[in-house]
Amino acid sequence: MGNENVVICGANSYEGKYYLNQDFSAMPQSVKDELQIMCVLYVQDVGGILTLELDEEGHTQFRTRAAENDFSYDEIGSVLKIRQLQREKEELLQSLELFYRLMIRGKKTC
């Protein structure tokens, strides 16, 4: 897989867009909906760009970025919101890791 993380989904407050990696399109619609709501609400609250990614070991990570001149981006709020999401969405995040290991990484090693 190399050194690059796999992006599952993300939201961008600057462009008002949401993205879901098509490799994850086989997930149940309810999971895809929950991911979209989670990402969109995050960028509405905090601003900037949020991506949910899988690292080389298949663990989920939230990544945030903000434009250099975005003075409305809430850095402290970002950290607090991510911690909250990690607690509240723990089961969802674990399910994504399992889905990735079984359905995506498993197919690539066959």
N, C-alpha and C. Protein backbone atom coordinates (compact mmCIF):
# COMPACT_ATOMS: atom_id res chain seq x y z
N MET A 1 0.82 -1.19 0.00
CA MET A 1 0.00 0.00 0.00
C MET A 1 0.86 1.26 0.00
N GLY A 2 2.12 1.19 0.32
CA GLY A 2 2.96 2.37 0.32
C GLY A 2 2.80 3.17 1.60
N ASN A 3 3.22 4.43 1.54
CA ASN A 3 3.18 5.29 2.71
C ASN A 3 1.95 6.19 2.73
N GLU A 4 1.05 6.03 1.80
CA GLU A 4 -0.10 6.93 1.72
C GLU A 4 -1.30 6.35 2.46
N ASN A 5 -2.00 7.22 3.13
CA ASN A 5 -3.25 6.82 3.77
C ASN A 5 -4.34 6.68 2.72
N VAL A 6 -5.34 5.88 3.02
CA VAL A 6 -6.50 5.71 2.16
C VAL A 6 -7.60 6.62 2.70
N VAL A 7 -8.08 7.52 1.88
CA VAL A 7 -9.16 8.42 2.29
C VAL A 7 -10.48 7.68 2.16
N ILE A 8 -11.25 7.64 3.25
CA ILE A 8 -12.58 7.04 3.22
C ILE A 8 -13.58 8.08 2.74
N CYS A 9 -13.56 9.24 3.39
CA CYS A 9 -14.51 10.29 3.05
C CYS A 9 -13.97 11.62 3.56
N GLY A 10 -14.64 12.69 3.16
CA GLY A 10 -14.22 14.00 3.62
C GLY A 10 -15.25 15.06 3.28
N ALA A 11 -15.11 16.20 3.94
CA ALA A 11 -15.98 17.34 3.67
C ALA A 11 -15.12 18.60 3.63
N ASN A 12 -15.54 19.54 2.79
CA ASN A 12 -14.79 20.76 2.57
C ASN A 12 -15.74 21.94 2.77
N SER A 13 -15.48 22.74 3.80
CA SER A 13 -16.36 23.87 4.08
C SER A 13 -16.20 25.00 3.06
N TYR A 14 -15.06 25.07 2.39
CA TYR A 14 -14.81 26.14 1.43
C TYR A 14 -15.61 25.92 0.14
N GLU A 15 -15.73 24.67 -0.27
CA GLU A 15 -16.43 24.36 -1.50
C GLU A 15 -17.83 23.81 -1.25
N GLY A 16 -18.15 23.54 0.01
CA GLY A 16 -19.46 22.98 0.34
C GLY A 16 -19.67 21.60 -0.26
N LYS A 17 -18.60 20.78 -0.25
CA LYS A 17 -18.68 19.47 -0.89
C LYS A 17 -18.37 18.36 0.10
N TYR A 18 -18.92 17.17 -0.21
CA TYR A 18 -18.66 15.94 0.53
C TYR A 18 -18.14 14.92 -0.46
N TYR A 19 -17.20 14.08 -0.03
CA TYR A 19 -16.59 13.07 -0.89
C TYR A 19 -16.63 11.73 -0.19
N LEU A 20 -16.98 10.67 -0.92
CA LEU A 20 -16.89 9.30 -0.43
C LEU A 20 -16.08 8.51 -1.44
N ASN A 21 -15.01 7.88 -0.97
CA ASN A 21 -14.17 7.04 -1.82
C ASN A 21 -15.02 5.90 -2.37
N GLN A 22 -15.02 5.72 -3.67
CA GLN A 22 -15.85 4.69 -4.31
C GLN A 22 -15.47 3.27 -3.91
N ASP A 23 -14.26 3.08 -3.38
CA ASP A 23 -13.88 1.76 -2.87
C ASP A 23 -14.77 1.34 -1.69
N PHE A 24 -15.42 2.31 -1.07
CA PHE A 24 -16.27 2.04 0.08
C PHE A 24 -17.76 2.08 -0.28
N SER A 25 -18.08 2.07 -1.55
CA SER A 25 -19.47 2.18 -1.97
C SER A 25 -20.30 0.94 -1.63
N ALA A 26 -19.66 -0.18 -1.32
CA ALA A 26 -20.37 -1.41 -0.95
C ALA A 26 -20.87 -1.38 0.50
N MET A 27 -20.49 -0.36 1.24
CA MET A 27 -20.96 -0.26 2.63
C MET A 27 -22.46 -0.04 2.64
N PRO A 28 -23.13 -0.44 3.71
CA PRO A 28 -24.57 -0.17 3.81
C PRO A 28 -24.85 1.33 3.71
N GLN A 29 -25.99 1.66 3.13
CA GLN A 29 -26.36 3.07 2.94
C GLN A 29 -26.41 3.81 4.27
N SER A 30 -26.86 3.14 5.32
CA SER A 30 -26.95 3.80 6.63
C SER A 30 -25.57 4.23 7.13
N VAL A 31 -24.54 3.44 6.86
CA VAL A 31 -23.18 3.80 7.25
C VAL A 31 -22.70 4.98 6.42
N LYS A 32 -22.95 4.93 5.12
CA LYS A 32 -22.54 6.04 4.25
C LYS A 32 -23.24 7.34 4.67
N ASP A 33 -24.51 7.23 5.03
CA ASP A 33 -25.25 8.41 5.49
C ASP A 33 -24.66 8.96 6.79
N GLU A 34 -24.34 8.06 7.71
CA GLU A 34 -23.77 8.49 9.00
C GLU A 34 -22.42 9.18 8.80
N LEU A 35 -21.60 8.66 7.90
CA LEU A 35 -20.32 9.30 7.60
C LEU A 35 -20.51 10.69 7.01
N GLN A 36 -21.46 10.81 6.09
CA GLN A 36 -21.71 12.10 5.47
C GLN A 36 -22.18 13.11 6.50
N ILE A 37 -23.12 12.73 7.33
CA ILE A 37 -23.63 13.64 8.37
C ILE A 37 -22.49 14.05 9.30
N MET A 38 -21.68 13.09 9.73
CA MET A 38 -20.58 13.36 10.65
C MET A 38 -19.60 14.38 10.05
N CYS A 39 -19.20 14.16 8.81
CA CYS A 39 -18.21 15.05 8.18
C CYS A 39 -18.78 16.44 7.91
N VAL A 40 -19.99 16.49 7.39
CA VAL A 40 -20.60 17.77 7.05
C VAL A 40 -20.86 18.61 8.31
N LEU A 41 -21.37 17.98 9.35
CA LEU A 41 -21.59 18.71 10.60
C LEU A 41 -20.29 19.23 11.19
N TYR A 42 -19.23 18.43 11.09
CA TYR A 42 -17.93 18.86 11.59
C TYR A 42 -17.49 20.15 10.90
N VAL A 43 -17.49 20.17 9.57
CA VAL A 43 -17.00 21.36 8.87
C VAL A 43 -17.94 22.55 9.03
N GLN A 44 -19.22 22.29 9.27
CA GLN A 44 -20.14 23.40 9.56
C GLN A 44 -19.82 24.01 10.92
N ASP A 45 -19.47 23.17 11.88
CA ASP A 45 -19.15 23.66 13.24
C ASP A 45 -17.77 24.31 13.32
N VAL A 46 -16.78 23.67 12.71
CA VAL A 46 -15.38 24.06 12.91
C VAL A 46 -14.81 24.81 11.72
N GLY A 47 -15.24 24.44 10.52
CA GLY A 47 -14.68 25.03 9.30
C GLY A 47 -13.58 24.15 8.74
N GLY A 48 -12.95 24.63 7.69
CA GLY A 48 -11.82 23.92 7.10
C GLY A 48 -12.23 22.69 6.31
N ILE A 49 -11.31 21.74 6.27
CA ILE A 49 -11.49 20.50 5.53
C ILE A 49 -11.23 19.35 6.49
N LEU A 50 -12.10 18.36 6.46
CA LEU A 50 -11.94 17.16 7.28
C LEU A 50 -11.91 15.95 6.37
N THR A 51 -10.94 15.06 6.59
CA THR A 51 -10.94 13.77 5.92
C THR A 51 -10.83 12.68 6.98
N LEU A 52 -11.51 11.58 6.72
CA LEU A 52 -11.40 10.38 7.54
C LEU A 52 -10.58 9.41 6.71
N GLU A 53 -9.45 8.96 7.27
CA GLU A 53 -8.50 8.16 6.52
C GLU A 53 -8.14 6.90 7.28
N LEU A 54 -7.57 5.95 6.54
CA LEU A 54 -7.01 4.74 7.12
C LEU A 54 -5.50 4.79 6.92
N ASP A 55 -4.74 4.56 8.00
CA ASP A 55 -3.29 4.56 7.88
C ASP A 55 -2.82 3.20 7.33
N GLU A 56 -1.52 3.01 7.24
CA GLU A 56 -0.95 1.79 6.67
C GLU A 56 -1.39 0.54 7.42
N GLU A 57 -1.65 0.66 8.71
CA GLU A 57 -2.05 -0.49 9.51
C GLU A 57 -3.57 -0.69 9.52
N GLY A 58 -4.30 0.19 8.83
CA GLY A 58 -5.75 0.05 8.75
C GLY A 58 -6.51 0.70 9.89
N HIS A 59 -5.86 1.64 10.59
CA HIS A 59 -6.52 2.36 11.68
C HIS A 59 -7.06 3.69 11.17
N THR A 60 -8.24 4.06 11.63
CA THR A 60 -8.85 5.31 11.20
C THR A 60 -8.15 6.51 11.83
N GLN A 61 -8.06 7.56 11.06
CA GLN A 61 -7.48 8.83 11.51
C GLN A 61 -8.28 9.97 10.92
N PHE A 62 -8.53 10.97 11.74
CA PHE A 62 -9.13 12.20 11.24
C PHE A 62 -8.00 13.16 10.89
N ARG A 63 -8.10 13.80 9.72
CA ARG A 63 -7.13 14.82 9.32
C ARG A 63 -7.90 16.10 9.04
N THR A 64 -7.36 17.20 9.53
CA THR A 64 -7.99 18.49 9.29
C THR A 64 -6.99 19.45 8.67
N ARG A 65 -7.53 20.33 7.86
CA ARG A 65 -6.71 21.37 7.24
C ARG A 65 -7.56 22.63 7.14
N ALA A 66 -6.88 23.74 7.14
CA ALA A 66 -7.57 25.01 6.95
C ALA A 66 -6.72 25.89 6.06
N ALA A 67 -7.38 26.74 5.31
CA ALA A 67 -6.66 27.70 4.47
C ALA A 67 -5.84 28.62 5.38
N GLU A 68 -4.70 29.03 4.89
CA GLU A 68 -3.79 29.86 5.68
C GLU A 68 -4.46 31.14 6.18
N ASN A 69 -5.31 31.72 5.38
CA ASN A 69 -5.95 32.99 5.75
C ASN A 69 -7.35 32.80 6.34
N ASP A 70 -7.68 31.58 6.76
CA ASP A 70 -9.00 31.31 7.34
C ASP A 70 -8.96 31.57 8.84
N PHE A 71 -9.31 32.79 9.22
CA PHE A 71 -9.26 33.17 10.63
C PHE A 71 -10.49 32.71 11.40
N SER A 72 -11.48 32.19 10.69
CA SER A 72 -12.68 31.69 11.36
C SER A 72 -12.54 30.21 11.74
N TYR A 73 -11.49 29.54 11.24
CA TYR A 73 -11.26 28.12 11.57
C TYR A 73 -10.96 28.01 13.06
N ASP A 74 -11.64 27.11 13.74
CA ASP A 74 -11.51 26.94 15.18
C ASP A 74 -10.59 25.77 15.49
N GLU A 75 -9.29 26.06 15.69
CA GLU A 75 -8.30 25.01 15.94
C GLU A 75 -8.58 24.24 17.22
N ILE A 76 -8.88 24.94 18.28
CA ILE A 76 -9.16 24.29 19.56
C ILE A 76 -10.46 23.48 19.45
N GLY A 77 -11.46 24.07 18.84
CA GLY A 77 -12.72 23.37 18.64
C GLY A 77 -12.54 22.11 17.79
N SER A 78 -11.60 22.17 16.84
CA SER A 78 -11.31 21.02 15.98
C SER A 78 -10.81 19.84 16.80
N VAL A 79 -9.86 20.09 17.67
CA VAL A 79 -9.31 19.03 18.51
C VAL A 79 -10.39 18.43 19.41
N LEU A 80 -11.18 19.30 20.02
CA LEU A 80 -12.25 18.83 20.91
C LEU A 80 -13.31 18.04 20.14
N LYS A 81 -13.67 18.51 18.96
CA LYS A 81 -14.69 17.84 18.16
C LYS A 81 -14.20 16.46 17.69
N ILE A 82 -12.94 16.37 17.32
CA ILE A 82 -12.39 15.08 16.88
C ILE A 82 -12.38 14.08 18.04
N ARG A 83 -11.99 14.53 19.21
CA ARG A 83 -12.03 13.65 20.39
C ARG A 83 -13.45 13.17 20.66
N GLN A 84 -14.40 14.07 20.53
CA GLN A 84 -15.80 13.71 20.72
C GLN A 84 -16.24 12.67 19.68
N LEU A 85 -15.88 12.88 18.43
CA LEU A 85 -16.24 11.93 17.38
C LEU A 85 -15.60 10.57 17.63
N GLN A 86 -14.35 10.56 18.07
CA GLN A 86 -13.68 9.30 18.35
C GLN A 86 -14.38 8.52 19.45
N ARG A 87 -14.90 9.23 20.45
CA ARG A 87 -15.64 8.57 21.53
C ARG A 87 -17.01 8.11 21.06
N GLU A 88 -17.76 9.03 20.48
CA GLU A 88 -19.14 8.75 20.11
C GLU A 88 -19.28 7.80 18.92
N LYS A 89 -18.32 7.80 18.05
CA LYS A 89 -18.39 6.98 16.83
C LYS A 89 -17.39 5.82 16.86
N GLU A 90 -17.00 5.41 18.05
CA GLU A 90 -16.00 4.35 18.19
C GLU A 90 -16.41 3.07 17.44
N GLU A 91 -17.66 2.66 17.61
CA GLU A 91 -18.14 1.44 16.97
C GLU A 91 -18.12 1.59 15.44
N LEU A 92 -18.54 2.72 14.94
CA LEU A 92 -18.52 2.99 13.50
C LEU A 92 -17.09 2.93 12.96
N LEU A 93 -16.17 3.56 13.66
CA LEU A 93 -14.77 3.59 13.21
C LEU A 93 -14.17 2.19 13.20
N GLN A 94 -14.48 1.39 14.22
CA GLN A 94 -13.99 0.01 14.25
C GLN A 94 -14.58 -0.80 13.10
N SER A 95 -15.84 -0.57 12.79
CA SER A 95 -16.49 -1.26 11.68
C SER A 95 -15.83 -0.89 10.34
N LEU A 96 -15.46 0.36 10.19
CA LEU A 96 -14.77 0.79 8.97
C LEU A 96 -13.42 0.11 8.83
N GLU A 97 -12.71 -0.01 9.93
CA GLU A 97 -11.41 -0.69 9.92
C GLU A 97 -11.58 -2.15 9.51
N LEU A 98 -12.59 -2.81 10.05
CA LEU A 98 -12.86 -4.20 9.71
C LEU A 98 -13.28 -4.33 8.25
N PHE A 99 -14.17 -3.47 7.78
CA PHE A 99 -14.59 -3.46 6.38
C PHE A 99 -13.38 -3.33 5.47
N TYR A 100 -12.49 -2.43 5.80
CA TYR A 100 -11.30 -2.20 4.99
C TYR A 100 -10.42 -3.46 4.93
N ARG A 101 -10.17 -4.05 6.10
CA ARG A 101 -9.31 -5.24 6.15
C ARG A 101 -9.92 -6.40 5.36
N LEU A 102 -11.22 -6.59 5.48
CA LEU A 102 -11.86 -7.74 4.84
C LEU A 102 -12.20 -7.51 3.37
N MET A 103 -12.78 -6.37 3.07
CA MET A 103 -13.33 -6.14 1.74
C MET A 103 -12.37 -5.47 0.75
N ILE A 104 -11.49 -4.63 1.24
CA ILE A 104 -10.63 -3.88 0.32
C ILE A 104 -9.22 -4.42 0.33
N ARG A 105 -8.60 -4.43 1.48
CA ARG A 105 -7.23 -4.94 1.55
C ARG A 105 -7.21 -6.42 1.19
N GLY A 106 -8.22 -7.16 1.62
CA GLY A 106 -8.31 -8.59 1.30
C GLY A 106 -8.37 -8.85 -0.19
N LYS A 107 -9.10 -8.02 -0.92
CA LYS A 107 -9.20 -8.17 -2.38
C LYS A 107 -7.87 -7.87 -3.07
N LYS A 108 -7.13 -6.92 -2.53
CA LYS A 108 -5.87 -6.51 -3.15
C LYS A 108 -4.79 -7.56 -2.96
N THR A 109 -4.90 -8.38 -1.89
CA THR A 109 -3.86 -9.39 -1.65
C THR A 109 -4.18 -10.71 -2.32
N CYS A 110 -5.39 -10.84 -2.88
CA CYS A 110 -5.78 -12.10 -3.55
C CYS A 110 -5.17 -12.19 -4.92
